[in-house]
């Protein structure tokens, strides 16, 4: 039985949105600092789930309610994991930058103190890039591969490895 459509979203998607909004408002009344970031993550995950369902329907692949819930929960788990990995890499890069900043105040040459500061900024930028760029590239590949898999497009491993 096809779901009723209101505009471009199904009734099931709107019900899911209202449920998520209620959860976010409930969490926000207890802890505002948790509710707002949770609301942002849930909104993005809900939009992704709706887009995946629309893409699958466009390809002729039906999406049941249980598949939508499964897509939503999997997307939420991956979003939280990606946020954690990105924060961890950012913290490591920050610690490395602080260490380099601390090292720059050790005078290399008593006559030229600026050389140490410039060297510190360069080394800090290189360390930050060396830590964050690979993480962000891997995250981007993971997100693209998951999108292709979720919408029913064949996954081409060779295209991702290049």
Foldseek 3Di string as FASTA:
>chain_A
DDFPDDPLFGPLLVVVVVVQVVVLVVVCVVPVVVSVVSSVLLVVLSVLLRVLCVLLVVVVHHADPVNSVVSSVVSSVLVVVLVVVQVVLVVVLVVVLVVLVVVLCPAPDPVDSVVSVVVSVVVSVVSSCVRNVVSVLVSVLVVVQVSCVSNVHDRDPVVSVD
